[in-house]
Amino acid sequence: MLTLIKREIEDHIAYFIGAAILTTILIVLLVAAMYHTEAGDSPVFIGLSIPVVVVLIIGFSGMGVSQMYTDRNRKISAFLAGLPVTRSRILLARIITGILAILVLLLPLLITGTILWRLFAPPIPIYQGLIFDLSVTAFLMGFACYCLGLQTGWTSSRITPTLGALVLTCILVPLILVKGFGLHIKVILILFIVASLIRTWQKFRSTAL
């Protein structure tokens, strides 16, 4: 399993590098904003979450598409299936790699945001869970987009995955504006992720490699 994950990371290292660069830029902007904004001003965190949401929707959906599309066209899974490796392990290694890429982007932001929040924010109970809610929702959204990429990427067409990512963007962004970062959006995203993973596994299991 570790070998499969390592191969996936090496094949898609550009996404990890991009996530690391973006999180570094956002951390710098967040620190600068906190030193030039009134203490506890929550729009700082919400405003900086917008580029993260955009990248999660487009970038990680693209990563899922890239993993499946490249695999199918280069017959990577067909080669691995000839080794003592099951399809479930191949797909699981792919999903774990996607989760790691999302965490590379979000985890440093969560740690930095939590530290800055404790230093600058006033002790108001309603604000204490804001960073956590933003981070959980952002992770679920990134994973949902990634799962959609896995679904649409297992095709010989380049147009279908691209259209799928655009459709998801048009659906999820207004959904967040309506539902916010609370429990409802989390439940919706979790249900979407579960359905997507089931569909991806069915397709990956039944389609010829």
C-alpha atoms as a PDB file:
ATOM      1  CA  MET A   1       0.000   0.000   0.000  1.00  0.00           C
ATOM      2  CA  LEU A   2       2.798   2.420   0.881  1.00  0.00           C
ATOM      3  CA  THR A   3       4.432   1.734  -2.475  1.00  0.00           C
ATOM      4  CA  LEU A   4       1.182   2.467  -4.294  1.00  0.00           C
ATOM      5  CA  ILE A   5       0.700   5.721  -2.360  1.00  0.00           C
ATOM      6  CA  LYS A   6       4.300   6.739  -3.041  1.00  0.00           C
ATOM      7  CA  ARG A   7       3.802   6.112  -6.767  1.00  0.00           C
ATOM      8  CA  GLU A   8       0.625   8.206  -6.787  1.00  0.00           C
ATOM      9  CA  ILE A   9       2.377  11.067  -5.001  1.00  0.00           C
ATOM     10  CA  GLU A  10       5.302  10.968  -7.416  1.00  0.00           C
ATOM     11  CA  ASP A  11       2.988  10.902 -10.442  1.00  0.00           C
ATOM     12  CA  HIS A  12       0.977  13.882  -9.172  1.00  0.00           C
ATOM     13  CA  ILE A  13       3.638  15.812  -7.287  1.00  0.00           C
ATOM     14  CA  ALA A  14       2.625  19.015  -9.090  1.00  0.00           C
ATOM     15  CA  TYR A  15      -0.626  19.127  -7.095  1.00  0.00           C
ATOM     16  CA  PHE A  16       1.265  18.789  -3.813  1.00  0.00           C
ATOM     17  CA  ILE A  17       3.692  21.524  -4.803  1.00  0.00           C
ATOM     18  CA  GLY A  18       0.807  23.757  -5.875  1.00  0.00           C
ATOM     19  CA  ALA A  19      -1.012  23.123  -2.568  1.00  0.00           C
ATOM     20  CA  ALA A  20       2.138  23.930  -0.564  1.00  0.00           C
ATOM     21  CA  ILE A  21       2.728  27.160  -2.497  1.00  0.00           C
ATOM     22  CA  LEU A  22      -0.884  28.272  -2.120  1.00  0.00           C
ATOM     23  CA  THR A  23      -1.045  27.538   1.605  1.00  0.00           C
ATOM     24  CA  THR A  24       2.202  29.470   2.117  1.00  0.00           C
ATOM     25  CA  ILE A  25       0.798  32.491   0.286  1.00  0.00           C
ATOM     26  CA  LEU A  26      -2.463  32.346   2.249  1.00  0.00           C
ATOM     27  CA  ILE A  27      -0.624  32.026   5.570  1.00  0.00           C
ATOM     28  CA  VAL A  28       1.431  35.131   4.774  1.00  0.00           C
ATOM     29  CA  LEU A  29      -1.730  37.020   3.807  1.00  0.00           C
ATOM     30  CA  LEU A  30      -3.515  35.811   6.930  1.00  0.00           C
ATOM     31  CA  VAL A  31      -0.707  36.912   9.253  1.00  0.00           C
ATOM     32  CA  ALA A  32      -0.460  40.289   7.515  1.00  0.00           C
ATOM     33  CA  ALA A  33      -4.225  40.756   7.674  1.00  0.00           C
ATOM     34  CA  MET A  34      -4.365  40.016  11.396  1.00  0.00           C
ATOM     35  CA  TYR A  35      -1.753  42.669  12.120  1.00  0.00           C
ATOM     36  CA  HIS A  36      -3.627  45.255  10.054  1.00  0.00           C
ATOM     37  CA  THR A  37      -7.201  44.394  11.006  1.00  0.00           C
ATOM     38  CA  GLU A  38      -9.185  45.019  14.143  1.00  0.00           C
ATOM     39  CA  ALA A  39      -8.842  42.100  16.527  1.00  0.00           C
ATOM     40  CA  GLY A  40     -11.438  39.403  16.105  1.00  0.00           C
ATOM     41  CA  ASP A  41     -12.658  40.655  12.752  1.00  0.00           C
ATOM     42  CA  SER A  42     -14.083  37.413  11.329  1.00  0.00           C
ATOM     43  CA  PRO A  43     -14.467  38.702   7.727  1.00  0.00           C
ATOM     44  CA  VAL A  44     -10.676  38.331   7.466  1.00  0.00           C
ATOM     45  CA  PHE A  45     -10.960  34.562   7.792  1.00  0.00           C
ATOM     46  CA  ILE A  46     -14.056  34.362   5.609  1.00  0.00           C
ATOM     47  CA  GLY A  47     -12.503  36.532   2.913  1.00  0.00           C
ATOM     48  CA  LEU A  48      -9.304  34.489   2.823  1.00  0.00           C
ATOM     49  CA  SER A  49     -11.351  31.289   2.608  1.00  0.00           C
ATOM     50  CA  ILE A  50     -12.722  32.311  -0.808  1.00  0.00           C
ATOM     51  CA  PRO A  51      -9.536  31.534  -2.814  1.00  0.00           C
ATOM     52  CA  VAL A  52      -9.213  28.277  -0.870  1.00  0.00           C
ATOM     53  CA  VAL A  53     -12.737  27.279  -1.903  1.00  0.00           C
ATOM     54  CA  VAL A  54     -12.033  28.112  -5.552  1.00  0.00           C
ATOM     55  CA  VAL A  55      -8.834  26.045  -5.560  1.00  0.00           C
ATOM     56  CA  LEU A  56     -10.555  23.158  -3.806  1.00  0.00           C
ATOM     57  CA  ILE A  57     -13.326  23.100  -6.385  1.00  0.00           C
ATOM     58  CA  ILE A  58     -11.148  23.373  -9.474  1.00  0.00           C
ATOM     59  CA  GLY A  59      -7.745  22.056  -8.377  1.00  0.00           C
ATOM     60  CA  PHE A  60      -8.691  18.896  -6.527  1.00  0.00           C
ATOM     61  CA  SER A  61     -11.386  17.997  -9.008  1.00  0.00           C
ATOM     62  CA  GLY A  62      -8.636  18.248 -11.614  1.00  0.00           C
ATOM     63  CA  MET A  63      -6.424  15.984  -9.532  1.00  0.00           C
ATOM     64  CA  GLY A  64      -9.095  13.288  -9.422  1.00  0.00           C
ATOM     65  CA  VAL A  65      -9.617  13.615 -13.165  1.00  0.00           C
ATOM     66  CA  SER A  66      -5.866  13.444 -13.789  1.00  0.00           C
ATOM     67  CA  GLN A  67      -5.419  10.298 -11.707  1.00  0.00           C
ATOM     68  CA  MET A  68      -8.192   8.383 -13.457  1.00  0.00           C
ATOM     69  CA  TYR A  69      -7.703   9.750 -16.985  1.00  0.00           C
ATOM     70  CA  THR A  70      -3.938   9.174 -16.949  1.00  0.00           C
ATOM     71  CA  ASP A  71      -4.423   5.730 -15.459  1.00  0.00           C
ATOM     72  CA  ARG A  72      -6.905   4.662 -18.117  1.00  0.00           C
ATOM     73  CA  ASN A  73      -4.957   6.007 -21.076  1.00  0.00           C
ATOM     74  CA  ARG A  74      -1.570   4.746 -19.910  1.00  0.00           C
ATOM     75  CA  LYS A  75      -2.984   1.407 -18.708  1.00  0.00           C
ATOM     76  CA  ILE A  76      -1.380   1.873 -15.296  1.00  0.00           C
ATOM     77  CA  SER A  77      -4.028  -0.089 -13.402  1.00  0.00           C
ATOM     78  CA  ALA A  78      -3.858  -2.857 -15.989  1.00  0.00           C
ATOM     79  CA  PHE A  79      -0.126  -3.142 -15.280  1.00  0.00           C
ATOM     80  CA  LEU A  80      -0.589  -3.037 -11.498  1.00  0.00           C
ATOM     81  CA  ALA A  81      -3.399  -5.598 -11.669  1.00  0.00           C
ATOM     82  CA  GLY A  82      -0.852  -8.048 -13.064  1.00  0.00           C
ATOM     83  CA  LEU A  83       1.048  -7.728  -9.807  1.00  0.00           C
ATOM     84  CA  PRO A  84      -0.158  -9.056  -6.423  1.00  0.00           C
ATOM     85  CA  VAL A  85      -2.315  -5.931  -5.951  1.00  0.00           C
ATOM     86  CA  THR A  86      -6.106  -5.778  -5.852  1.00  0.00           C
ATOM     87  CA  ARG A  87      -8.251  -3.128  -7.487  1.00  0.00           C
ATOM     88  CA  SER A  88      -9.495  -1.996  -4.092  1.00  0.00           C
ATOM     89  CA  ARG A  89      -5.933  -1.242  -2.971  1.00  0.00           C
ATOM     90  CA  ILE A  90      -5.196   0.648  -6.168  1.00  0.00           C
ATOM     91  CA  LEU A  91      -8.255   2.850  -5.716  1.00  0.00           C
ATOM     92  CA  LEU A  92      -7.691   3.246  -1.956  1.00  0.00           C
ATOM     93  CA  ALA A  93      -4.106   4.383  -2.521  1.00  0.00           C
ATOM     94  CA  ARG A  94      -5.406   6.916  -5.028  1.00  0.00           C
ATOM     95  CA  ILE A  95      -7.986   8.263  -2.572  1.00  0.00           C
ATOM     96  CA  ILE A  96      -5.466   8.466   0.283  1.00  0.00           C
ATOM     97  CA  THR A  97      -3.163  10.457  -1.982  1.00  0.00           C
ATOM     98  CA  GLY A  98      -5.976  12.882  -2.753  1.00  0.00           C
ATOM     99  CA  ILE A  99      -6.712  13.321   0.959  1.00  0.00           C
ATOM    100  CA  LEU A 100      -3.028  13.978   1.662  1.00  0.00           C
ATOM    101  CA  ALA A 101      -2.941  16.689  -1.002  1.00  0.00           C
ATOM    102  CA  ILE A 102      -5.991  18.369   0.530  1.00  0.00           C
ATOM    103  CA  LEU A 103      -4.396  18.237   3.990  1.00  0.00           C
ATOM    104  CA  VAL A 104      -1.188  19.784   2.647  1.00  0.00           C
ATOM    105  CA  LEU A 105      -3.278  22.806   1.726  1.00  0.00           C
ATOM    106  CA  LEU A 106      -5.634  22.996   4.706  1.00  0.00           C
ATOM    107  CA  LEU A 107      -3.716  21.723   7.746  1.00  0.00           C
ATOM    108  CA  PRO A 108      -1.088  24.515   7.871  1.00  0.00           C
ATOM    109  CA  LEU A 109      -3.881  27.063   7.426  1.00  0.00           C
ATOM    110  CA  LEU A 110      -5.858  25.496  10.275  1.00  0.00           C
ATOM    111  CA  ILE A 111      -2.873  25.534  12.626  1.00  0.00           C
ATOM    112  CA  THR A 112      -1.917  29.112  11.722  1.00  0.00           C
ATOM    113  CA  GLY A 113      -5.504  30.341  11.919  1.00  0.00           C
ATOM    114  CA  THR A 114      -6.017  28.714  15.323  1.00  0.00           C
ATOM    115  CA  ILE A 115      -2.854  30.279  16.758  1.00  0.00           C
ATOM    116  CA  LEU A 116      -3.677  33.736  15.402  1.00  0.00           C
ATOM    117  CA  TRP A 117      -7.259  33.445  16.585  1.00  0.00           C
ATOM    118  CA  ARG A 118      -6.133  32.744  20.158  1.00  0.00           C
ATOM    119  CA  LEU A 119      -3.733  35.672  20.023  1.00  0.00           C
ATOM    120  CA  PHE A 120      -6.008  38.299  18.484  1.00  0.00           C
ATOM    121  CA  ALA A 121      -9.664  37.295  18.799  1.00  0.00           C
ATOM    122  CA  PRO A 122     -11.788  38.408  21.762  1.00  0.00           C
ATOM    123  CA  PRO A 123     -13.122  35.637  24.059  1.00  0.00           C
ATOM    124  CA  ILE A 124     -16.540  35.451  22.403  1.00  0.00           C
ATOM    125  CA  PRO A 125     -17.972  31.871  22.469  1.00  0.00           C
ATOM    126  CA  ILE A 126     -19.694  32.189  19.087  1.00  0.00           C
ATOM    127  CA  TYR A 127     -16.326  32.749  17.400  1.00  0.00           C
ATOM    128  CA  GLN A 128     -14.476  29.835  18.984  1.00  0.00           C
ATOM    129  CA  GLY A 129     -15.591  27.216  16.460  1.00  0.00           C
ATOM    130  CA  LEU A 130     -15.431  29.415  13.352  1.00  0.00           C
ATOM    131  CA  ILE A 131     -12.003  28.297  12.138  1.00  0.00           C
ATOM    132  CA  PHE A 132     -12.851  24.661  12.759  1.00  0.00           C
ATOM    133  CA  ASP A 133     -16.152  24.948  10.845  1.00  0.00           C
ATOM    134  CA  LEU A 134     -14.417  26.685   7.934  1.00  0.00           C
ATOM    135  CA  SER A 135     -11.692  24.045   7.820  1.00  0.00           C
ATOM    136  CA  VAL A 136     -14.040  21.045   8.037  1.00  0.00           C
ATOM    137  CA  THR A 137     -16.329  22.467   5.366  1.00  0.00           C
ATOM    138  CA  ALA A 138     -13.361  23.296   3.131  1.00  0.00           C
ATOM    139  CA  PHE A 139     -11.979  19.772   3.542  1.00  0.00           C
ATOM    140  CA  LEU A 140     -15.320  18.142   2.770  1.00  0.00           C
ATOM    141  CA  MET A 141     -15.768  20.362  -0.256  1.00  0.00           C
ATOM    142  CA  GLY A 142     -12.289  19.598  -1.541  1.00  0.00           C
ATOM    143  CA  PHE A 143     -12.853  15.878  -1.040  1.00  0.00           C
ATOM    144  CA  ALA A 144     -16.270  16.066  -2.725  1.00  0.00           C
ATOM    145  CA  CYS A 145     -14.709  17.796  -5.727  1.00  0.00           C
ATOM    146  CA  TYR A 146     -11.926  15.238  -5.773  1.00  0.00           C
ATOM    147  CA  CYS A 147     -14.465  12.391  -5.718  1.00  0.00           C
ATOM    148  CA  LEU A 148     -16.320  13.929  -8.636  1.00  0.00           C
ATOM    149  CA  GLY A 149     -13.022  14.101 -10.503  1.00  0.00           C
ATOM    150  CA  LEU A 150     -12.508  10.390  -9.877  1.00  0.00           C
ATOM    151  CA  GLN A 151     -15.930   9.687 -11.380  1.00  0.00           C
ATOM    152  CA  THR A 152     -15.633  11.844 -14.471  1.00  0.00           C
ATOM    153  CA  GLY A 153     -11.958  11.097 -15.091  1.00  0.00           C
ATOM    154  CA  TRP A 154     -12.478   7.418 -15.891  1.00  0.00           C
ATOM    155  CA  THR A 155     -13.291   8.147 -19.521  1.00  0.00           C
ATOM    156  CA  SER A 156     -11.532   8.426 -22.846  1.00  0.00           C
ATOM    157  CA  SER A 157     -12.867  11.951 -23.395  1.00  0.00           C
ATOM    158  CA  ARG A 158     -11.198  15.124 -22.149  1.00  0.00           C
ATOM    159  CA  ILE A 159     -14.372  17.197 -22.456  1.00  0.00           C
ATOM    160  CA  THR A 160     -16.537  15.281 -19.965  1.00  0.00           C
ATOM    161  CA  PRO A 161     -14.234  15.738 -16.929  1.00  0.00           C
ATOM    162  CA  THR A 162     -13.890  19.463 -17.651  1.00  0.00           C
ATOM    163  CA  LEU A 163     -17.633  19.951 -17.933  1.00  0.00           C
ATOM    164  CA  GLY A 164     -18.145  17.940 -14.750  1.00  0.00           C
ATOM    165  CA  ALA A 165     -15.838  20.265 -12.792  1.00  0.00           C
ATOM    166  CA  LEU A 166     -17.611  23.341 -14.156  1.00  0.00           C
ATOM    167  CA  VAL A 167     -21.039  21.942 -13.270  1.00  0.00           C
ATOM    168  CA  LEU A 168     -19.852  21.164  -9.739  1.00  0.00           C
ATOM    169  CA  THR A 169     -18.565  24.720  -9.372  1.00  0.00           C
ATOM    170  CA  CYS A 170     -21.930  26.142 -10.430  1.00  0.00           C
ATOM    171  CA  ILE A 171     -23.713  23.916  -7.893  1.00  0.00           C
ATOM    172  CA  LEU A 172     -21.491  24.059  -4.812  1.00  0.00           C
ATOM    173  CA  VAL A 173     -20.569  27.742  -4.719  1.00  0.00           C
ATOM    174  CA  PRO A 174     -24.202  28.985  -4.512  1.00  0.00           C
ATOM    175  CA  LEU A 175     -24.872  26.153  -2.043  1.00  0.00           C
ATOM    176  CA  ILE A 176     -22.217  27.474   0.309  1.00  0.00           C
ATOM    177  CA  LEU A 177     -23.542  31.020  -0.016  1.00  0.00           C
ATOM    178  CA  VAL A 178     -27.008  29.778   0.960  1.00  0.00           C
ATOM    179  CA  LYS A 179     -26.113  27.213   3.636  1.00  0.00           C
ATOM    180  CA  GLY A 180     -22.958  28.819   5.024  1.00  0.00           C
ATOM    181  CA  PHE A 181     -20.430  26.652   6.851  1.00  0.00           C
ATOM    182  CA  GLY A 182     -22.814  24.987   9.295  1.00  0.00           C
ATOM    183  CA  LEU A 183     -24.155  21.490   9.806  1.00  0.00           C
ATOM    184  CA  HIS A 184     -26.415  21.404   6.734  1.00  0.00           C
ATOM    185  CA  ILE A 185     -23.636  21.906   4.211  1.00  0.00           C
ATOM    186  CA  LYS A 186     -21.504  19.295   6.000  1.00  0.00           C
ATOM    187  CA  VAL A 187     -24.286  16.698   5.820  1.00  0.00           C
ATOM    188  CA  ILE A 188     -24.900  17.446   2.135  1.00  0.00           C
ATOM    189  CA  LEU A 189     -21.202  17.123   1.296  1.00  0.00           C
ATOM    190  CA  ILE A 190     -20.799  13.893   3.283  1.00  0.00           C
ATOM    191  CA  LEU A 191     -23.758  12.307   1.489  1.00  0.00           C
ATOM    192  CA  PHE A 192     -22.344  13.448  -1.849  1.00  0.00           C
ATOM    193  CA  ILE A 193     -18.914  12.003  -0.984  1.00  0.00           C
ATOM    194  CA  VAL A 194     -20.358   8.633   0.045  1.00  0.00           C
ATOM    195  CA  ALA A 195     -22.461   8.395  -3.122  1.00  0.00           C
ATOM    196  CA  SER A 196     -19.496   9.411  -5.290  1.00  0.00           C
ATOM    197  CA  LEU A 197     -17.153   6.866  -3.723  1.00  0.00           C
ATOM    198  CA  ILE A 198     -19.696   4.083  -4.145  1.00  0.00           C
ATOM    199  CA  ARG A 199     -20.237   5.027  -7.782  1.00  0.00           C
ATOM    200  CA  THR A 200     -16.495   5.312  -8.412  1.00  0.00           C
ATOM    201  CA  TRP A 201     -15.828   1.891  -6.889  1.00  0.00           C
ATOM    202  CA  GLN A 202     -18.606   0.269  -8.935  1.00  0.00           C
ATOM    203  CA  LYS A 203     -17.242   1.775 -12.117  1.00  0.00           C
ATOM    204  CA  PHE A 204     -13.622   0.961 -11.292  1.00  0.00           C
ATOM    205  CA  ARG A 205     -14.495  -2.612 -10.345  1.00  0.00           C
ATOM    206  CA  SER A 206     -16.639  -3.385 -13.372  1.00  0.00           C
ATOM    207  CA  THR A 207     -14.769  -1.535 -16.138  1.00  0.00           C
ATOM    208  CA  ALA A 208     -12.028  -3.269 -18.048  1.00  0.00           C
ATOM    209  CA  LEU A 209      -8.585  -1.937 -17.186  1.00  0.00           C
END
